[in-house]
C-alpha atoms as a PDB file:
ATOM      1  CA  MET A   1     113.509  81.548 136.262  1.00  0.00           C
ATOM      2  CA  SER A   2     113.042  83.352 132.940  1.00  0.00           C
ATOM      3  CA  PRO A   3     109.565  84.596 131.986  1.00  0.00           C
ATOM      4  CA  LYS A   4     107.664  83.006 129.133  1.00  0.00           C
ATOM      5  CA  ILE A   5     107.171  86.288 127.231  1.00  0.00           C
ATOM      6  CA  SER A   6     109.205  89.480 126.927  1.00  0.00           C
ATOM      7  CA  VAL A   7     106.926  92.379 125.973  1.00  0.00           C
ATOM      8  CA  ILE A   8     108.873  95.172 124.234  1.00  0.00           C
ATOM      9  CA  ILE A   9     107.377  98.686 124.119  1.00  0.00           C
ATOM     10  CA  PRO A  10     109.232 101.473 122.249  1.00  0.00           C
ATOM     11  CA  ILE A  11     108.223 104.818 123.739  1.00  0.00           C
ATOM     12  CA  TYR A  12     108.624 108.311 122.375  1.00  0.00           C
ATOM     13  CA  ASN A  13     106.456 111.136 123.748  1.00  0.00           C
ATOM     14  CA  ALA A  14     103.577 108.761 124.514  1.00  0.00           C
ATOM     15  CA  GLU A  15     102.256 110.375 127.708  1.00  0.00           C
ATOM     16  CA  LYS A  16      98.671 110.590 126.417  1.00  0.00           C
ATOM     17  CA  TYR A  17      98.120 106.842 126.113  1.00  0.00           C
ATOM     18  CA  LEU A  18     101.059 105.202 127.916  1.00  0.00           C
ATOM     19  CA  GLU A  19      99.378 104.347 131.208  1.00  0.00           C
ATOM     20  CA  GLU A  20      96.357 102.844 129.432  1.00  0.00           C
ATOM     21  CA  CYS A  21      98.745 100.714 127.363  1.00  0.00           C
ATOM     22  CA  LEU A  22     100.654  99.509 130.439  1.00  0.00           C
ATOM     23  CA  GLN A  23      97.473  98.809 132.387  1.00  0.00           C
ATOM     24  CA  SER A  24      96.062  96.672 129.573  1.00  0.00           C
ATOM     25  CA  ILE A  25      99.228  94.561 129.695  1.00  0.00           C
ATOM     26  CA  SER A  26      99.211  94.244 133.482  1.00  0.00           C
ATOM     27  CA  ASN A  27      95.582  93.050 133.347  1.00  0.00           C
ATOM     28  CA  GLN A  28      96.373  90.046 131.145  1.00  0.00           C
ATOM     29  CA  SER A  29      95.153  86.701 132.489  1.00  0.00           C
ATOM     30  CA  PHE A  30      98.466  85.114 131.478  1.00  0.00           C
ATOM     31  CA  ASP A  31     100.971  86.754 133.803  1.00  0.00           C
ATOM     32  CA  ASP A  32     104.334  85.066 133.162  1.00  0.00           C
ATOM     33  CA  PHE A  33     105.953  87.949 131.320  1.00  0.00           C
ATOM     34  CA  GLU A  34     108.349  90.868 131.661  1.00  0.00           C
ATOM     35  CA  ILE A  35     107.734  94.345 130.237  1.00  0.00           C
ATOM     36  CA  LEU A  36     110.680  96.107 128.638  1.00  0.00           C
ATOM     37  CA  ALA A  37     109.807  99.791 128.232  1.00  0.00           C
ATOM     38  CA  ILE A  38     112.334 101.545 125.996  1.00  0.00           C
ATOM     39  CA  ASN A  39     112.221 105.298 126.502  1.00  0.00           C
ATOM     40  CA  ASP A  40     113.585 106.627 123.220  1.00  0.00           C
ATOM     41  CA  GLY A  41     114.551 110.140 124.312  1.00  0.00           C
ATOM     42  CA  SER A  42     111.039 111.313 125.201  1.00  0.00           C
ATOM     43  CA  ILE A  43     110.767 114.996 126.090  1.00  0.00           C
ATOM     44  CA  ASP A  44     107.271 114.776 127.614  1.00  0.00           C
ATOM     45  CA  ASN A  45     106.221 113.020 130.836  1.00  0.00           C
ATOM     46  CA  SER A  46     106.607 109.472 129.484  1.00  0.00           C
ATOM     47  CA  LEU A  47     109.606 108.616 131.686  1.00  0.00           C
ATOM     48  CA  GLU A  48     107.879 109.981 134.783  1.00  0.00           C
ATOM     49  CA  ILE A  49     104.795 107.866 134.008  1.00  0.00           C
ATOM     50  CA  LEU A  50     107.025 104.798 133.628  1.00  0.00           C
ATOM     51  CA  ASN A  51     108.780 105.424 136.943  1.00  0.00           C
ATOM     52  CA  GLN A  52     105.487 105.860 138.773  1.00  0.00           C
ATOM     53  CA  TYR A  53     103.966 102.782 137.157  1.00  0.00           C
ATOM     54  CA  GLN A  54     106.994 100.669 138.043  1.00  0.00           C
ATOM     55  CA  GLU A  55     106.166 101.127 141.740  1.00  0.00           C
ATOM     56  CA  LYS A  56     103.096  98.922 141.301  1.00  0.00           C
ATOM     57  CA  GLU A  57     104.232  96.780 138.370  1.00  0.00           C
ATOM     58  CA  LYS A  58     107.375  94.865 139.351  1.00  0.00           C
ATOM     59  CA  ARG A  59     107.567  93.118 135.973  1.00  0.00           C
ATOM     60  CA  LEU A  60     108.307  96.475 134.325  1.00  0.00           C
ATOM     61  CA  LYS A  61     111.920  97.199 133.349  1.00  0.00           C
ATOM     62  CA  ILE A  62     112.804 100.672 132.093  1.00  0.00           C
ATOM     63  CA  PHE A  63     115.579 101.461 129.631  1.00  0.00           C
ATOM     64  CA  SER A  64     116.415 104.930 128.348  1.00  0.00           C
ATOM     65  CA  GLN A  65     118.441 106.069 125.373  1.00  0.00           C
ATOM     66  CA  GLU A  66     118.790 109.248 123.341  1.00  0.00           C
ATOM     67  CA  ASN A  67     116.290 109.499 120.526  1.00  0.00           C
ATOM     68  CA  LYS A  68     117.367 107.008 117.852  1.00  0.00           C
ATOM     69  CA  GLY A  69     114.040 105.891 116.414  1.00  0.00           C
ATOM     70  CA  VAL A  70     111.677 102.983 116.868  1.00  0.00           C
ATOM     71  CA  SER A  71     113.975 100.371 115.305  1.00  0.00           C
ATOM     72  CA  ALA A  72     116.841 101.199 117.665  1.00  0.00           C
ATOM     73  CA  ALA A  73     114.431 101.127 120.607  1.00  0.00           C
ATOM     74  CA  ARG A  74     113.112  97.694 119.657  1.00  0.00           C
ATOM     75  CA  ASN A  75     116.659  96.419 119.119  1.00  0.00           C
ATOM     76  CA  LEU A  76     117.596  97.553 122.627  1.00  0.00           C
ATOM     77  CA  GLY A  77     114.607  95.615 123.894  1.00  0.00           C
ATOM     78  CA  LEU A  78     115.710  92.506 122.001  1.00  0.00           C
ATOM     79  CA  GLU A  79     119.202  92.793 123.479  1.00  0.00           C
ATOM     80  CA  ASN A  80     117.820  92.783 127.030  1.00  0.00           C
ATOM     81  CA  ALA A  81     114.907  90.369 126.662  1.00  0.00           C
ATOM     82  CA  ILE A  82     115.137  87.053 128.531  1.00  0.00           C
ATOM     83  CA  GLY A  83     111.728  85.550 127.757  1.00  0.00           C
ATOM     84  CA  GLU A  84     111.195  82.434 125.692  1.00  0.00           C
ATOM     85  CA  TYR A  85     109.030  84.447 123.299  1.00  0.00           C
ATOM     86  CA  ILE A  86     108.995  88.075 122.179  1.00  0.00           C
ATOM     87  CA  ALA A  87     105.871  90.234 121.842  1.00  0.00           C
ATOM     88  CA  PHE A  88     105.772  93.853 120.670  1.00  0.00           C
ATOM     89  CA  VAL A  89     103.293  96.495 121.796  1.00  0.00           C
ATOM     90  CA  ASP A  90     103.242 100.135 120.650  1.00  0.00           C
ATOM     91  CA  ALA A  91     102.897 102.722 123.409  1.00  0.00           C
ATOM     92  CA  ASP A  92      99.732 104.325 121.992  1.00  0.00           C
ATOM     93  CA  ASP A  93      97.946 101.002 121.512  1.00  0.00           C
ATOM     94  CA  PHE A  94      96.304  98.706 124.057  1.00  0.00           C
ATOM     95  CA  LEU A  95      95.099  95.129 124.554  1.00  0.00           C
ATOM     96  CA  ILE A  96      91.308  94.805 124.555  1.00  0.00           C
ATOM     97  CA  ASP A  97      91.247  91.076 125.326  1.00  0.00           C
ATOM     98  CA  VAL A  98      92.587  90.058 128.752  1.00  0.00           C
ATOM     99  CA  ASN A  99      93.354  86.649 127.224  1.00  0.00           C
ATOM    100  CA  TRP A 100      95.468  87.991 124.321  1.00  0.00           C
ATOM    101  CA  PHE A 101      98.782  86.638 125.633  1.00  0.00           C
ATOM    102  CA  HIS A 102      97.063  83.444 126.763  1.00  0.00           C
ATOM    103  CA  HIS A 103      95.796  82.739 123.234  1.00  0.00           C
ATOM    104  CA  LEU A 104      99.237  83.362 121.717  1.00  0.00           C
ATOM    105  CA  ILE A 105     101.279  81.332 124.182  1.00  0.00           C
ATOM    106  CA  GLN A 106      98.766  78.472 124.358  1.00  0.00           C
ATOM    107  CA  ASN A 107      99.009  78.081 120.583  1.00  0.00           C
ATOM    108  CA  ALA A 108     102.804  78.334 120.655  1.00  0.00           C
ATOM    109  CA  ASN A 109     102.973  75.567 123.255  1.00  0.00           C
ATOM    110  CA  PHE A 110     100.543  73.356 121.339  1.00  0.00           C
ATOM    111  CA  THR A 111     102.069  73.760 117.867  1.00  0.00           C
ATOM    112  CA  ASN A 112     105.712  74.402 118.803  1.00  0.00           C
ATOM    113  CA  ALA A 113     105.561  77.321 116.378  1.00  0.00           C
ATOM    114  CA  ASP A 114     108.492  79.653 115.828  1.00  0.00           C
ATOM    115  CA  ILE A 115     106.020  82.455 115.121  1.00  0.00           C
ATOM    116  CA  VAL A 116     102.346  82.733 116.087  1.00  0.00           C
ATOM    117  CA  CYS A 117     100.294  85.230 114.017  1.00  0.00           C
ATOM    118  CA  ALA A 118      96.946  86.827 114.802  1.00  0.00           C
ATOM    119  CA  GLY A 119      94.728  89.611 113.519  1.00  0.00           C
ATOM    120  CA  PHE A 120      94.081  92.892 115.293  1.00  0.00           C
ATOM    121  CA  THR A 121      91.356  95.399 115.992  1.00  0.00           C
ATOM    122  CA  ALA A 122      91.538  98.938 114.658  1.00  0.00           C
ATOM    123  CA  TYR A 123      90.331 101.617 117.075  1.00  0.00           C
ATOM    124  CA  SER A 124      89.362 104.799 115.248  1.00  0.00           C
ATOM    125  CA  VAL A 125      89.194 108.401 116.441  1.00  0.00           C
ATOM    126  CA  CYS A 126      85.413 107.946 116.410  1.00  0.00           C
ATOM    127  CA  GLU A 127      85.868 105.217 119.051  1.00  0.00           C
ATOM    128  CA  MET A 128      84.731 102.559 116.620  1.00  0.00           C
ATOM    129  CA  TYR A 129      86.244  99.071 116.594  1.00  0.00           C
ATOM    130  CA  SER A 130      86.790  97.036 113.443  1.00  0.00           C
ATOM    131  CA  LYS A 131      88.527  93.704 112.996  1.00  0.00           C
ATOM    132  CA  ILE A 132      91.413  93.613 110.545  1.00  0.00           C
ATOM    133  CA  GLN A 133      91.265  90.185 108.996  1.00  0.00           C
ATOM    134  CA  ILE A 134      94.275  87.912 108.635  1.00  0.00           C
ATOM    135  CA  PRO A 135      95.206  87.423 104.938  1.00  0.00           C
ATOM    136  CA  PHE A 136      95.912  83.709 105.449  1.00  0.00           C
ATOM    137  CA  PRO A 137      93.714  80.768 106.519  1.00  0.00           C
ATOM    138  CA  VAL A 138      93.856  79.813 110.196  1.00  0.00           C
ATOM    139  CA  LYS A 139      96.158  76.776 110.353  1.00  0.00           C
ATOM    140  CA  VAL A 140      99.716  75.623 111.026  1.00  0.00           C
ATOM    141  CA  TYR A 141     102.191  76.276 108.191  1.00  0.00           C
ATOM    142  CA  GLU A 142     105.346  74.249 107.781  1.00  0.00           C
ATOM    143  CA  LYS A 143     108.503  75.204 105.899  1.00  0.00           C
ATOM    144  CA  ARG A 144     107.305  74.590 102.337  1.00  0.00           C
ATOM    145  CA  GLU A 145     104.111  76.623 102.720  1.00  0.00           C
ATOM    146  CA  ILE A 146     105.950  79.403 104.553  1.00  0.00           C
ATOM    147  CA  VAL A 147     108.308  79.788 101.598  1.00  0.00           C
ATOM    148  CA  GLU A 148     105.681  79.366  98.878  1.00  0.00           C
ATOM    149  CA  LYS A 149     102.774  81.315 100.366  1.00  0.00           C
ATOM    150  CA  ILE A 150     103.791  83.630 103.201  1.00  0.00           C
ATOM    151  CA  LEU A 151     107.217  84.954 102.229  1.00  0.00           C
ATOM    152  CA  PRO A 152     106.126  86.209  98.767  1.00  0.00           C
ATOM    153  CA  PHE A 153     103.231  88.080 100.365  1.00  0.00           C
ATOM    154  CA  PHE A 154     105.647  90.372 102.229  1.00  0.00           C
ATOM    155  CA  PHE A 155     107.075  91.551  98.895  1.00  0.00           C
ATOM    156  CA  GLN A 156     103.651  92.311  97.504  1.00  0.00           C
ATOM    157  CA  LYS A 157     101.588  93.966 100.248  1.00  0.00           C
ATOM    158  CA  ASP A 158     101.754  95.555 103.692  1.00  0.00           C
ATOM    159  CA  THR A 159      98.742  93.842 105.230  1.00  0.00           C
ATOM    160  CA  PHE A 160     100.653  91.140 107.114  1.00  0.00           C
ATOM    161  CA  ASN A 161     103.627  93.199 108.236  1.00  0.00           C
ATOM    162  CA  ALA A 162     102.533  94.320 111.701  1.00  0.00           C
ATOM    163  CA  ILE A 163     104.890  92.871 114.317  1.00  0.00           C
ATOM    164  CA  PHE A 164     102.461  93.598 117.160  1.00  0.00           C
ATOM    165  CA  THR A 165     100.138  90.826 115.927  1.00  0.00           C
ATOM    166  CA  LYS A 166     102.831  88.171 116.302  1.00  0.00           C
ATOM    167  CA  LEU A 167     104.665  86.191 118.950  1.00  0.00           C
ATOM    168  CA  TYR A 168     108.273  85.365 118.012  1.00  0.00           C
ATOM    169  CA  SER A 169     110.584  82.705 119.400  1.00  0.00           C
ATOM    170  CA  ARG A 170     113.524  84.507 121.021  1.00  0.00           C
ATOM    171  CA  LYS A 171     115.719  81.521 120.165  1.00  0.00           C
ATOM    172  CA  LEU A 172     114.828  81.999 116.477  1.00  0.00           C
ATOM    173  CA  ILE A 173     115.744  85.687 116.668  1.00  0.00           C
ATOM    174  CA  ASN A 174     118.989  85.240 118.598  1.00  0.00           C
ATOM    175  CA  GLU A 175     120.355  82.263 116.680  1.00  0.00           C
ATOM    176  CA  ASN A 176     119.826  84.050 113.361  1.00  0.00           C
ATOM    177  CA  GLY A 177     120.961  87.508 114.448  1.00  0.00           C
ATOM    178  CA  ILE A 178     117.643  89.118 113.514  1.00  0.00           C
ATOM    179  CA  SER A 179     117.145  92.810 114.290  1.00  0.00           C
ATOM    180  CA  PHE A 180     115.412  95.904 112.930  1.00  0.00           C
ATOM    181  CA  PRO A 181     117.177  98.036 110.282  1.00  0.00           C
ATOM    182  CA  GLN A 182     117.955 101.386 111.885  1.00  0.00           C
ATOM    183  CA  ASP A 183     118.430 103.337 108.652  1.00  0.00           C
ATOM    184  CA  LEU A 184     114.815 103.009 107.492  1.00  0.00           C
ATOM    185  CA  LYS A 185     111.793 105.124 108.448  1.00  0.00           C
ATOM    186  CA  ILE A 186     109.335 102.838 106.718  1.00  0.00           C
ATOM    187  CA  ALA A 187     108.969  99.068 106.214  1.00  0.00           C
ATOM    188  CA  GLU A 188     111.286  98.137 109.076  1.00  0.00           C
ATOM    189  CA  ASP A 189     108.636  95.598 110.092  1.00  0.00           C
ATOM    190  CA  THR A 190     108.797  94.041 106.615  1.00  0.00           C
ATOM    191  CA  PHE A 191     112.541  93.524 106.841  1.00  0.00           C
ATOM    192  CA  PHE A 192     112.256  92.029 110.326  1.00  0.00           C
ATOM    193  CA  ASN A 193     109.482  89.683 109.222  1.00  0.00           C
ATOM    194  CA  LEU A 194     111.268  88.584 106.057  1.00  0.00           C
ATOM    195  CA  ARG A 195     114.298  87.573 108.091  1.00  0.00           C
ATOM    196  CA  SER A 196     112.184  85.852 110.751  1.00  0.00           C
ATOM    197  CA  PHE A 197     109.829  83.971 108.445  1.00  0.00           C
ATOM    198  CA  SER A 198     112.655  82.901 106.123  1.00  0.00           C
ATOM    199  CA  VAL A 199     114.275  80.887 108.930  1.00  0.00           C
ATOM    200  CA  ALA A 200     111.073  79.716 110.661  1.00  0.00           C
ATOM    201  CA  ASN A 201     110.134  76.051 110.378  1.00  0.00           C
ATOM    202  CA  ILE A 202     106.624  76.344 111.825  1.00  0.00           C
ATOM    203  CA  VAL A 203     104.266  79.338 111.659  1.00  0.00           C
ATOM    204  CA  SER A 204     100.825  79.209 113.227  1.00  0.00           C
ATOM    205  CA  VAL A 205      97.941  81.546 112.305  1.00  0.00           C
ATOM    206  CA  ILE A 206      95.162  81.906 114.880  1.00  0.00           C
ATOM    207  CA  ASP A 207      91.751  83.583 114.880  1.00  0.00           C
ATOM    208  CA  SER A 208      92.297  86.225 117.570  1.00  0.00           C
ATOM    209  CA  TYR A 209      91.887  90.019 117.528  1.00  0.00           C
ATOM    210  CA  GLY A 210      92.752  91.110 121.056  1.00  0.00           C
ATOM    211  CA  TYR A 211      95.307  93.749 120.114  1.00  0.00           C
ATOM    212  CA  SER A 212      93.857  97.215 119.507  1.00  0.00           C
ATOM    213  CA  TYR A 213      95.720  99.477 117.099  1.00  0.00           C
ATOM    214  CA  ARG A 214      94.871 103.118 117.658  1.00  0.00           C
ATOM    215  CA  GLU A 215      94.336 105.054 114.433  1.00  0.00           C
ATOM    216  CA  ALA A 216      95.520 108.598 115.123  1.00  0.00           C
ATOM    217  CA  LEU A 217      93.733 111.362 113.247  1.00  0.00           C
ATOM    218  CA  GLY A 218      95.840 112.516 110.330  1.00  0.00           C
ATOM    219  CA  SER A 219      98.910 110.541 111.442  1.00  0.00           C
ATOM    220  CA  ALA A 220      99.453 108.881 108.075  1.00  0.00           C
ATOM    221  CA  THR A 221      99.365 112.227 106.293  1.00  0.00           C
ATOM    222  CA  ARG A 222     101.668 113.915 108.821  1.00  0.00           C
ATOM    223  CA  ASN A 223     104.215 111.125 108.608  1.00  0.00           C
ATOM    224  CA  VAL A 224     104.269 111.123 104.810  1.00  0.00           C
ATOM    225  CA  LEU A 225     104.769 114.881 104.733  1.00  0.00           C
ATOM    226  CA  LYS A 226     107.537 114.683 107.324  1.00  0.00           C
ATOM    227  CA  ASN A 227     109.471 111.734 105.875  1.00  0.00           C
ATOM    228  CA  ASP A 228     110.732 111.002 102.375  1.00  0.00           C
ATOM    229  CA  TYR A 229     108.637 107.901 101.807  1.00  0.00           C
ATOM    230  CA  LEU A 230     109.381 107.827  98.088  1.00  0.00           C
ATOM    231  CA  ALA A 231     113.068 107.273  98.872  1.00  0.00           C
ATOM    232  CA  SER A 232     112.123 104.451 101.241  1.00  0.00           C
ATOM    233  CA  ALA A 233     109.790 102.907  98.658  1.00  0.00           C
ATOM    234  CA  ILE A 234     112.613 102.994  96.114  1.00  0.00           C
ATOM    235  CA  ARG A 235     114.986 101.325  98.533  1.00  0.00           C
ATOM    236  CA  ILE A 236     112.451  98.574  99.310  1.00  0.00           C
ATOM    237  CA  TYR A 237     112.028  97.999  95.595  1.00  0.00           C
ATOM    238  CA  LYS A 238     115.759  97.838  94.943  1.00  0.00           C
ATOM    239  CA  PHE A 239     116.857  95.579  97.769  1.00  0.00           C
ATOM    240  CA  ASP A 240     118.039  92.071  96.901  1.00  0.00           C
ATOM    241  CA  PRO A 241     115.582  89.488  98.333  1.00  0.00           C
ATOM    242  CA  THR A 242     118.331  86.899  98.636  1.00  0.00           C
ATOM    243  CA  GLU A 243     119.865  88.990 101.426  1.00  0.00           C
ATOM    244  CA  LEU A 244     116.886  88.386 103.674  1.00  0.00           C
ATOM    245  CA  THR A 245     115.370  85.114 102.509  1.00  0.00           C
ATOM    246  CA  ASN A 246     118.406  82.856 102.107  1.00  0.00           C
ATOM    247  CA  ASN A 247     117.760  82.420  98.361  1.00  0.00           C
ATOM    248  CA  GLN A 248     114.348  80.855  99.029  1.00  0.00           C
ATOM    249  CA  ILE A 249     112.405  83.319  96.857  1.00  0.00           C
ATOM    250  CA  ASN A 250     112.497  83.156  93.073  1.00  0.00           C
ATOM    251  CA  THR A 251     114.146  86.379  91.885  1.00  0.00           C
ATOM    252  CA  ASP A 252     111.719  86.922  88.983  1.00  0.00           C
ATOM    253  CA  GLN A 253     108.733  86.356  91.234  1.00  0.00           C
ATOM    254  CA  ALA A 254     110.097  88.767  93.840  1.00  0.00           C
ATOM    255  CA  GLU A 255     110.757  91.389  91.159  1.00  0.00           C
ATOM    256  CA  SER A 256     107.173  91.213  89.917  1.00  0.00           C
ATOM    257  CA  LEU A 257     105.744  91.470  93.441  1.00  0.00           C
ATOM    258  CA  LYS A 258     108.042  94.349  94.358  1.00  0.00           C
ATOM    259  CA  LYS A 259     106.929  96.273  91.272  1.00  0.00           C
ATOM    260  CA  GLU A 260     103.293  95.841  92.286  1.00  0.00           C
ATOM    261  CA  ARG A 261     104.077  97.086  95.787  1.00  0.00           C
ATOM    262  CA  PHE A 262     106.025 100.078  94.446  1.00  0.00           C
ATOM    263  CA  ILE A 263     103.206 101.042  92.055  1.00  0.00           C
ATOM    264  CA  ASN A 264     100.669 100.956  94.886  1.00  0.00           C
ATOM    265  CA  SER A 265     102.983 102.988  97.146  1.00  0.00           C
ATOM    266  CA  VAL A 266     103.309 105.737  94.521  1.00  0.00           C
ATOM    267  CA  LEU A 267      99.545 105.804  93.918  1.00  0.00           C
ATOM    268  CA  SER A 268      98.985 106.221  97.669  1.00  0.00           C
ATOM    269  CA  LEU A 269     101.598 108.968  97.927  1.00  0.00           C
ATOM    270  CA  MET A 270      99.973 110.882  95.095  1.00  0.00           C
ATOM    271  CA  TYR A 271      96.603 110.810  96.835  1.00  0.00           C
ATOM    272  CA  ILE A 272      98.087 112.043 100.116  1.00  0.00           C
ATOM    273  CA  TYR A 273     100.127 114.838  98.550  1.00  0.00           C
ATOM    274  CA  ILE A 274      97.257 116.071  96.373  1.00  0.00           C
ATOM    275  CA  ASN A 275      94.744 115.876  99.211  1.00  0.00           C
ATOM    276  CA  PRO A 276      94.025 119.482 100.329  1.00  0.00           C
ATOM    277  CA  ALA A 277      93.554 118.243 103.910  1.00  0.00           C
ATOM    278  CA  ASN A 278      97.336 117.978 104.265  1.00  0.00           C
ATOM    279  CA  LYS A 279      97.458 121.796 104.691  1.00  0.00           C
ATOM    280  CA  LEU A 280     100.204 122.269 102.095  1.00  0.00           C
ATOM    281  CA  SER A 281      99.844 125.161  99.673  1.00  0.00           C
ATOM    282  CA  PHE A 282      98.693 124.302  96.171  1.00  0.00           C
ATOM    283  CA  LEU A 283     102.116 125.235  94.789  1.00  0.00           C
ATOM    284  CA  SER A 284     103.880 122.960  97.284  1.00  0.00           C
ATOM    285  CA  ARG A 285     101.595 120.072  96.381  1.00  0.00           C
ATOM    286  CA  TRP A 286     102.115 120.687  92.656  1.00  0.00           C
ATOM    287  CA  LYS A 287     105.907 120.724  93.067  1.00  0.00           C
ATOM    288  CA  LYS A 288     105.919 117.552  95.187  1.00  0.00           C
ATOM    289  CA  VAL A 289     103.777 115.641  92.693  1.00  0.00           C
ATOM    290  CA  ASN A 290     106.002 116.734  89.815  1.00  0.00           C
ATOM    291  CA  GLN A 291     109.075 115.703  91.757  1.00  0.00           C
ATOM    292  CA  ILE A 292     107.659 112.180  92.070  1.00  0.00           C
ATOM    293  CA  LEU A 293     106.475 112.066  88.450  1.00  0.00           C
ATOM    294  CA  ASN A 294     109.954 112.945  87.204  1.00  0.00           C
ATOM    295  CA  ASP A 295     111.839 110.531  89.427  1.00  0.00           C
ATOM    296  CA  GLU A 296     113.750 108.164  87.159  1.00  0.00           C
ATOM    297  CA  ASN A 297     112.643 105.092  89.120  1.00  0.00           C
ATOM    298  CA  VAL A 298     108.963 106.040  88.884  1.00  0.00           C
ATOM    299  CA  THR A 299     109.328 106.743  85.161  1.00  0.00           C
ATOM    300  CA  ARG A 300     111.032 103.417  84.431  1.00  0.00           C
ATOM    301  CA  ILE A 301     108.791 101.182  86.525  1.00  0.00           C
ATOM    302  CA  PHE A 302     105.488 102.722  85.418  1.00  0.00           C
ATOM    303  CA  LYS A 303     106.566 102.713  81.758  1.00  0.00           C
ATOM    304  CA  ASN A 304     107.094  98.946  81.648  1.00  0.00           C
ATOM    305  CA  TYR A 305     104.230  97.857  83.899  1.00  0.00           C
ATOM    306  CA  GLU A 306     100.791  96.634  82.855  1.00  0.00           C
ATOM    307  CA  MET A 307      98.351  97.639  85.565  1.00  0.00           C
ATOM    308  CA  LYS A 308      95.431  95.385  86.486  1.00  0.00           C
ATOM    309  CA  SER A 309      93.311  98.115  88.010  1.00  0.00           C
ATOM    310  CA  LYS A 310      90.701  97.422  90.655  1.00  0.00           C
ATOM    311  CA  ASN A 311      88.646 100.479  89.649  1.00  0.00           C
ATOM    312  CA  LYS A 312      88.523 103.412  87.221  1.00  0.00           C
ATOM    313  CA  PHE A 313      90.166 105.831  89.666  1.00  0.00           C
ATOM    314  CA  GLU A 314      93.193 103.580  90.020  1.00  0.00           C
ATOM    315  CA  LYS A 315      93.388 103.065  86.238  1.00  0.00           C
ATOM    316  CA  TYR A 316      93.128 106.789  85.442  1.00  0.00           C
ATOM    317  CA  SER A 317      95.687 107.717  88.111  1.00  0.00           C
ATOM    318  CA  PHE A 318      98.115 105.065  86.913  1.00  0.00           C
ATOM    319  CA  ASP A 319      97.830 106.279  83.306  1.00  0.00           C
ATOM    320  CA  ALA A 320      98.309 109.907  84.362  1.00  0.00           C
ATOM    321  CA  ILE A 321     101.485 109.036  86.272  1.00  0.00           C
ATOM    322  CA  LYS A 322     102.754 106.963  83.381  1.00  0.00           C
ATOM    323  CA  LYS A 323     102.193 109.872  80.963  1.00  0.00           C
ATOM    324  CA  LYS A 324     103.327 112.534  83.495  1.00  0.00           C
ATOM    325  CA  GLN A 325      99.985 114.333  83.271  1.00  0.00           C
ATOM    326  CA  THR A 326     100.060 116.403  86.453  1.00  0.00           C
ATOM    327  CA  PHE A 327      96.830 118.295  85.816  1.00  0.00           C
ATOM    328  CA  LYS A 328      94.794 115.139  85.171  1.00  0.00           C
ATOM    329  CA  LEU A 329      96.326 113.499  88.234  1.00  0.00           C
ATOM    330  CA  PHE A 330      95.158 116.406  90.388  1.00  0.00           C
ATOM    331  CA  LEU A 331      91.669 116.243  88.883  1.00  0.00           C
ATOM    332  CA  TYR A 332      91.267 112.493  89.503  1.00  0.00           C
ATOM    333  CA  ASN A 333      92.618 112.595  93.050  1.00  0.00           C
ATOM    334  CA  TYR A 334      90.753 115.730  94.040  1.00  0.00           C
ATOM    335  CA  TYR A 335      87.513 114.250  92.733  1.00  0.00           C
ATOM    336  CA  SER A 336      88.179 111.101  94.767  1.00  0.00           C
ATOM    337  CA  TYR A 337      88.880 113.223  97.859  1.00  0.00           C
ATOM    338  CA  LEU A 338      85.579 115.118  97.513  1.00  0.00           C
ATOM    339  CA  ARG A 339      83.617 111.917  96.907  1.00  0.00           C
ATOM    340  CA  ASN A 340      85.112 110.216  99.973  1.00  0.00           C
ATOM    341  CA  LYS A 341      84.562 113.334 102.063  1.00  0.00           C
ATOM    342  CA  ASN A 342      80.861 113.250 101.295  1.00  0.00           C
END
């Protein structure tokens, strides 16, 4: 008999937190699940930890592949999953509520939802917990509201993209050929969610925060410095929404929302690159900022956009980017860095 839930965990060099992650899953009060651990070419002791843990956890299935990235690892999990529903857990995170799966599956059974959505709890390096609120009211959404309210949100912001806060119908995924794009290093969750939500008939949002996302110190900065996030932001902006949403999103509306998202992405990148905590030399930071300022996409989009700023810092930074004023941009962002530091 197939399990109710397939839990997919992509793993790459996760030895520090892997056993804690696995233990938090094993301890769940709802126990009708399988664990698909995808070892994505780890070069630490992750595979050894998995093999040892499998001796006491018979629901654990281990798959190994050469390092192909998190999307490829999750896709391998989807290919081998046999559960009625799919849940995703990251190897450095953990479940703080033993009833997390119970809450998700109970709601899925009651509402017959294609996707059940919850909030999550952020766990900081200071060992502080904080609830990350769901950006939608707790209720059951049918097709019309999914298209009118939820789908557009994915174009505009990142705050509902996390796949680990959701339970997906495997039937929905398989029948619509949904998978993660393997040529992206950012926003792969957005693409997966757009495809999933565009074909969902019922989406349920619940008030639960049992998943704990571990905020690694400096991880956001390291990732931005390592990867070309501007190129990914440009690709997200340029993609045709009809490809993923079956023509359910108004093109003009999507264009406006994508511009807003792109503007916010560039503002965030500027702050991270200018921030002296990233350990880059001043010359390297200056060159990187100028590279972004002179990108033709940044120039065009900022030139024709009217910013509704939330604060003076955002307004001044936007204007400096629009006018290619590198020195002023450094002043504003460095001042913000010092103020936040204190």
